[in-house]
């Protein structure tokens, strides 16, 4: 269970940093970055399973 908590925290931290590194007038919502990372993860899992 602790592994999932660590993975979730790393995912949010990994999404928050790129979202905040844009120039000051532009800030990307963290949900967009999180969904992009999650989407890539789902595609990788589908390709790995052969479906």
PDB file of N, CA and C in Angstrom:
ATOM      1  N   UNK A   1       0.827  -1.185   0.000  1.00  0.00           N
ATOM      2  CA  UNK A   1       0.000   0.000   0.000  1.00  0.00           C
ATOM      3  C   UNK A   1       0.873   1.253   0.000  1.00  0.00           C
ATOM      4  N   UNK A   2       1.969   1.220   0.740  1.00  0.00           N
ATOM      5  CA  UNK A   2       2.857   2.372   0.802  1.00  0.00           C
ATOM      6  C   UNK A   2       3.496   2.655  -0.560  1.00  0.00           C
ATOM      7  N   UNK A   3       3.717   1.607  -1.341  1.00  0.00           N
ATOM      8  CA  UNK A   3       4.283   1.778  -2.679  1.00  0.00           C
ATOM      9  C   UNK A   3       3.349   2.589  -3.562  1.00  0.00           C
ATOM     10  N   UNK A   4       2.048   2.348  -3.456  1.00  0.00           N
ATOM     11  CA  UNK A   4       1.074   3.100  -4.243  1.00  0.00           C
ATOM     12  C   UNK A   4       1.032   4.568  -3.812  1.00  0.00           C
ATOM     13  N   UNK A   5       1.173   4.810  -2.532  1.00  0.00           N
ATOM     14  CA  UNK A   5       1.209   6.195  -2.042  1.00  0.00           C
ATOM     15  C   UNK A   5       2.438   6.919  -2.575  1.00  0.00           C
ATOM     16  N   UNK A   6       3.563   6.235  -2.575  1.00  0.00           N
ATOM     17  CA  UNK A   6       4.788   6.833  -3.102  1.00  0.00           C
ATOM     18  C   UNK A   6       4.673   7.099  -4.600  1.00  0.00           C
ATOM     19  N   UNK A   7       4.088   6.159  -5.330  1.00  0.00           N
ATOM     20  CA  UNK A   7       3.911   6.328  -6.769  1.00  0.00           C
ATOM     21  C   UNK A   7       2.978   7.499  -7.071  1.00  0.00           C
ATOM     22  N   UNK A   8       1.903   7.625  -6.312  1.00  0.00           N
ATOM     23  CA  UNK A   8       0.966   8.727  -6.509  1.00  0.00           C
ATOM     24  C   UNK A   8       1.605  10.068  -6.210  1.00  0.00           C
ATOM     25  N   UNK A   9       2.381  10.134  -5.144  1.00  0.00           N
ATOM     26  CA  UNK A   9       3.069  11.380  -4.808  1.00  0.00           C
ATOM     27  C   UNK A   9       4.090  11.740  -5.878  1.00  0.00           C
ATOM     28  N   UNK A  10       4.805  10.742  -6.381  1.00  0.00           N
ATOM     29  CA  UNK A  10       5.783  11.000  -7.440  1.00  0.00           C
ATOM     30  C   UNK A  10       5.096  11.447  -8.723  1.00  0.00           C
ATOM     31  N   UNK A  11       3.928  10.887  -9.018  1.00  0.00           N
ATOM     32  CA  UNK A  11       3.176  11.284 -10.203  1.00  0.00           C
ATOM     33  C   UNK A  11       2.726  12.737 -10.108  1.00  0.00           C
ATOM     34  N   UNK A  12       2.196  13.119  -8.970  1.00  0.00           N
ATOM     35  CA  UNK A  12       1.741  14.508  -8.796  1.00  0.00           C
ATOM     36  C   UNK A  12       2.929  15.463  -8.811  1.00  0.00           C
ATOM     37  N   UNK A  13       4.011  15.101  -8.150  1.00  0.00           N
ATOM     38  CA  UNK A  13       5.197  15.953  -8.153  1.00  0.00           C
ATOM     39  C   UNK A  13       5.786  16.052  -9.555  1.00  0.00           C
ATOM     40  N   UNK A  14       5.830  14.935 -10.253  1.00  0.00           N
ATOM     41  CA  UNK A  14       6.346  14.931 -11.617  1.00  0.00           C
ATOM     42  C   UNK A  14       5.455  15.701 -12.580  1.00  0.00           C
ATOM     43  N   UNK A  15       4.197  15.843 -12.271  1.00  0.00           N
ATOM     44  CA  UNK A  15       3.278  16.625 -13.098  1.00  0.00           C
ATOM     45  C   UNK A  15       3.311  18.096 -12.722  1.00  0.00           C
ATOM     46  N   UNK A  16       3.517  18.374 -11.466  1.00  0.00           N
ATOM     47  CA  UNK A  16       3.482  19.755 -10.990  1.00  0.00           C
ATOM     48  C   UNK A  16       4.693  20.549 -11.458  1.00  0.00           C
ATOM     49  N   UNK A  17       5.842  19.931 -11.474  1.00  0.00           N
ATOM     50  CA  UNK A  17       7.063  20.644 -11.855  1.00  0.00           C
ATOM     51  C   UNK A  17       6.997  21.146 -13.302  1.00  0.00           C
ATOM     52  N   UNK A  18       6.672  20.306 -14.301  1.00  0.00           N
ATOM     53  CA  UNK A  18       6.570  20.842 -15.669  1.00  0.00           C
ATOM     54  C   UNK A  18       5.448  21.868 -15.829  1.00  0.00           C
ATOM     55  N   UNK A  19       4.368  21.703 -15.083  1.00  0.00           N
ATOM     56  CA  UNK A  19       3.254  22.643 -15.194  1.00  0.00           C
ATOM     57  C   UNK A  19       3.645  24.026 -14.684  1.00  0.00           C
ATOM     58  N   UNK A  20       4.544  24.094 -13.723  1.00  0.00           N
ATOM     59  CA  UNK A  20       4.939  25.381 -13.145  1.00  0.00           C
ATOM     60  C   UNK A  20       6.176  25.994 -13.797  1.00  0.00           C
ATOM     61  N   UNK A  21       6.872  25.264 -14.657  1.00  0.00           N
ATOM     62  CA  UNK A  21       8.098  25.791 -15.252  1.00  0.00           C
ATOM     63  C   UNK A  21       7.843  26.625 -16.499  1.00  0.00           C
ATOM     64  N   UNK A  22       6.617  26.798 -16.898  1.00  0.00           N
ATOM     65  CA  UNK A  22       6.312  27.675 -18.016  1.00  0.00           C
ATOM     66  C   UNK A  22       6.537  29.121 -17.593  1.00  0.00           C
ATOM     67  N   UNK A  23       6.715  30.026 -18.553  1.00  0.00           N
ATOM     68  CA  UNK A  23       6.884  31.446 -18.186  1.00  0.00           C
ATOM     69  C   UNK A  23       5.716  31.952 -17.337  1.00  0.00           C
ATOM     70  N   UNK A  24       5.955  32.945 -16.486  1.00  0.00           N
ATOM     71  CA  UNK A  24       4.961  33.406 -15.508  1.00  0.00           C
ATOM     72  C   UNK A  24       3.549  33.704 -16.017  1.00  0.00           C
ATOM     73  N   UNK A  25       3.344  34.361 -17.156  1.00  0.00           N
ATOM     74  CA  UNK A  25       1.944  34.616 -17.509  1.00  0.00           C
ATOM     75  C   UNK A  25       1.183  33.346 -17.901  1.00  0.00           C
ATOM     76  N   UNK A  26       1.900  32.291 -18.225  1.00  0.00           N
ATOM     77  CA  UNK A  26       1.252  31.042 -18.624  1.00  0.00           C
ATOM     78  C   UNK A  26       1.521  29.982 -17.562  1.00  0.00           C
ATOM     79  N   UNK A  27       0.479  29.379 -17.093  1.00  0.00           N
ATOM     80  CA  UNK A  27       0.638  28.263 -16.159  1.00  0.00           C
ATOM     81  C   UNK A  27      -0.341  27.184 -16.583  1.00  0.00           C
ATOM     82  N   UNK A  28       0.165  26.007 -16.834  1.00  0.00           N
ATOM     83  CA  UNK A  28      -0.628  24.890 -17.310  1.00  0.00           C
ATOM     84  C   UNK A  28      -1.293  24.208 -16.123  1.00  0.00           C
ATOM     85  N   UNK A  29      -2.595  23.930 -16.199  1.00  0.00           N
ATOM     86  CA  UNK A  29      -3.244  23.216 -15.092  1.00  0.00           C
ATOM     87  C   UNK A  29      -2.610  21.837 -14.889  1.00  0.00           C
ATOM     88  N   UNK A  30      -2.445  21.457 -13.645  1.00  0.00           N
ATOM     89  CA  UNK A  30      -1.781  20.186 -13.326  1.00  0.00           C
ATOM     90  C   UNK A  30      -2.577  18.984 -13.836  1.00  0.00           C
ATOM     91  N   UNK A  31      -3.885  19.135 -13.950  1.00  0.00           N
ATOM     92  CA  UNK A  31      -4.716  18.040 -14.451  1.00  0.00           C
ATOM     93  C   UNK A  31      -4.385  17.657 -15.872  1.00  0.00           C
ATOM     94  N   UNK A  32      -4.009  18.630 -16.691  1.00  0.00           N
ATOM     95  CA  UNK A  32      -3.648  18.336 -18.081  1.00  0.00           C
ATOM     96  C   UNK A  32      -2.366  17.519 -18.126  1.00  0.00           C
ATOM     97  N   UNK A  33      -1.381  17.921 -17.354  1.00  0.00           N
ATOM     98  CA  UNK A  33      -0.108  17.197 -17.343  1.00  0.00           C
ATOM     99  C   UNK A  33      -0.300  15.800 -16.755  1.00  0.00           C
ATOM    100  N   UNK A  34      -1.085  15.693 -15.694  1.00  0.00           N
ATOM    101  CA  UNK A  34      -1.338  14.393 -15.075  1.00  0.00           C
ATOM    102  C   UNK A  34      -2.055  13.462 -16.044  1.00  0.00           C
ATOM    103  N   UNK A  35      -3.027  13.975 -16.793  1.00  0.00           N
ATOM    104  CA  UNK A  35      -3.744  13.124 -17.744  1.00  0.00           C
ATOM    105  C   UNK A  35      -2.848  12.704 -18.897  1.00  0.00           C
ATOM    106  N   UNK A  36      -1.922  13.561 -19.321  1.00  0.00           N
ATOM    107  CA  UNK A  36      -0.981  13.163 -20.373  1.00  0.00           C
ATOM    108  C   UNK A  36      -0.075  12.031 -19.897  1.00  0.00           C
ATOM    109  N   UNK A  37       0.436  12.159 -18.685  1.00  0.00           N
ATOM    110  CA  UNK A  37       1.294  11.101 -18.144  1.00  0.00           C
ATOM    111  C   UNK A  37       0.492   9.816 -17.948  1.00  0.00           C
ATOM    112  N   UNK A  38      -0.718   9.941 -17.418  1.00  0.00           N
ATOM    113  CA  UNK A  38      -1.562   8.763 -17.220  1.00  0.00           C
ATOM    114  C   UNK A  38      -1.952   8.115 -18.531  1.00  0.00           C
ATOM    115  N   UNK A  39      -2.225   8.918 -19.550  1.00  0.00           N
ATOM    116  CA  UNK A  39      -2.561   8.380 -20.867  1.00  0.00           C
ATOM    117  C   UNK A  39      -1.405   7.599 -21.468  1.00  0.00           C
ATOM    118  N   UNK A  40      -0.202   8.134 -21.331  1.00  0.00           N
ATOM    119  CA  UNK A  40       0.973   7.407 -21.820  1.00  0.00           C
ATOM    120  C   UNK A  40       1.165   6.092 -21.065  1.00  0.00           C
ATOM    121  N   UNK A  41       0.881   6.113 -19.779  1.00  0.00           N
ATOM    122  CA  UNK A  41       0.992   4.893 -18.969  1.00  0.00           C
ATOM    123  C   UNK A  41      -0.006   3.840 -19.429  1.00  0.00           C
ATOM    124  N   UNK A  42      -1.241   4.253 -19.707  1.00  0.00           N
ATOM    125  CA  UNK A  42      -2.271   3.306 -20.165  1.00  0.00           C
ATOM    126  C   UNK A  42      -1.887   2.730 -21.524  1.00  0.00           C
ATOM    127  N   UNK A  43      -1.400   3.553 -22.438  1.00  0.00           N
ATOM    128  CA  UNK A  43      -0.994   3.075 -23.762  1.00  0.00           C
ATOM    129  C   UNK A  43       0.151   2.084 -23.617  1.00  0.00           C
ATOM    130  N   UNK A  44       1.123   2.386 -22.748  1.00  0.00           N
ATOM    131  CA  UNK A  44       2.241   1.471 -22.540  1.00  0.00           C
ATOM    132  C   UNK A  44       1.754   0.139 -21.970  1.00  0.00           C
ATOM    133  N   UNK A  45       0.793   0.186 -21.062  1.00  0.00           N
ATOM    134  CA  UNK A  45       0.268  -1.063 -20.500  1.00  0.00           C
ATOM    135  C   UNK A  45      -0.485  -1.868 -21.559  1.00  0.00           C
ATOM    136  N   UNK A  46      -1.235  -1.199 -22.430  1.00  0.00           N
ATOM    137  CA  UNK A  46      -1.951  -1.900 -23.490  1.00  0.00           C
ATOM    138  C   UNK A  46      -0.972  -2.538 -24.490  1.00  0.00           C
ATOM    139  N   UNK A  47       0.069  -1.824 -24.842  1.00  0.00           N
ATOM    140  CA  UNK A  47       1.047  -2.377 -25.764  1.00  0.00           C
ATOM    141  C   UNK A  47       1.809  -3.545 -25.142  1.00  0.00           C
ATOM    142  N   UNK A  48       2.060  -3.459 -23.864  1.00  0.00           N
ATOM    143  CA  UNK A  48       2.771  -4.522 -23.186  1.00  0.00           C
ATOM    144  C   UNK A  48       1.943  -5.800 -23.082  1.00  0.00           C
ATOM    145  N   UNK A  49       0.628  -5.628 -22.893  1.00  0.00           N
ATOM    146  CA  UNK A  49      -0.229  -6.813 -22.737  1.00  0.00           C
ATOM    147  C   UNK A  49      -0.568  -7.448 -24.082  1.00  0.00           C
ATOM    148  N   UNK A  50      -0.334  -6.731 -25.177  1.00  0.00           N
ATOM    149  CA  UNK A  50      -0.588  -7.306 -26.493  1.00  0.00           C
ATOM    150  C   UNK A  50      -1.991  -7.059 -27.010  1.00  0.00           C
ATOM    151  N   UNK A  51      -2.765  -6.241 -26.333  1.00  0.00           N
ATOM    152  CA  UNK A  51      -4.139  -5.973 -26.780  1.00  0.00           C
ATOM    153  C   UNK A  51      -4.165  -4.853 -27.780  1.00  0.00           C
TER     154      UNK A  51
END
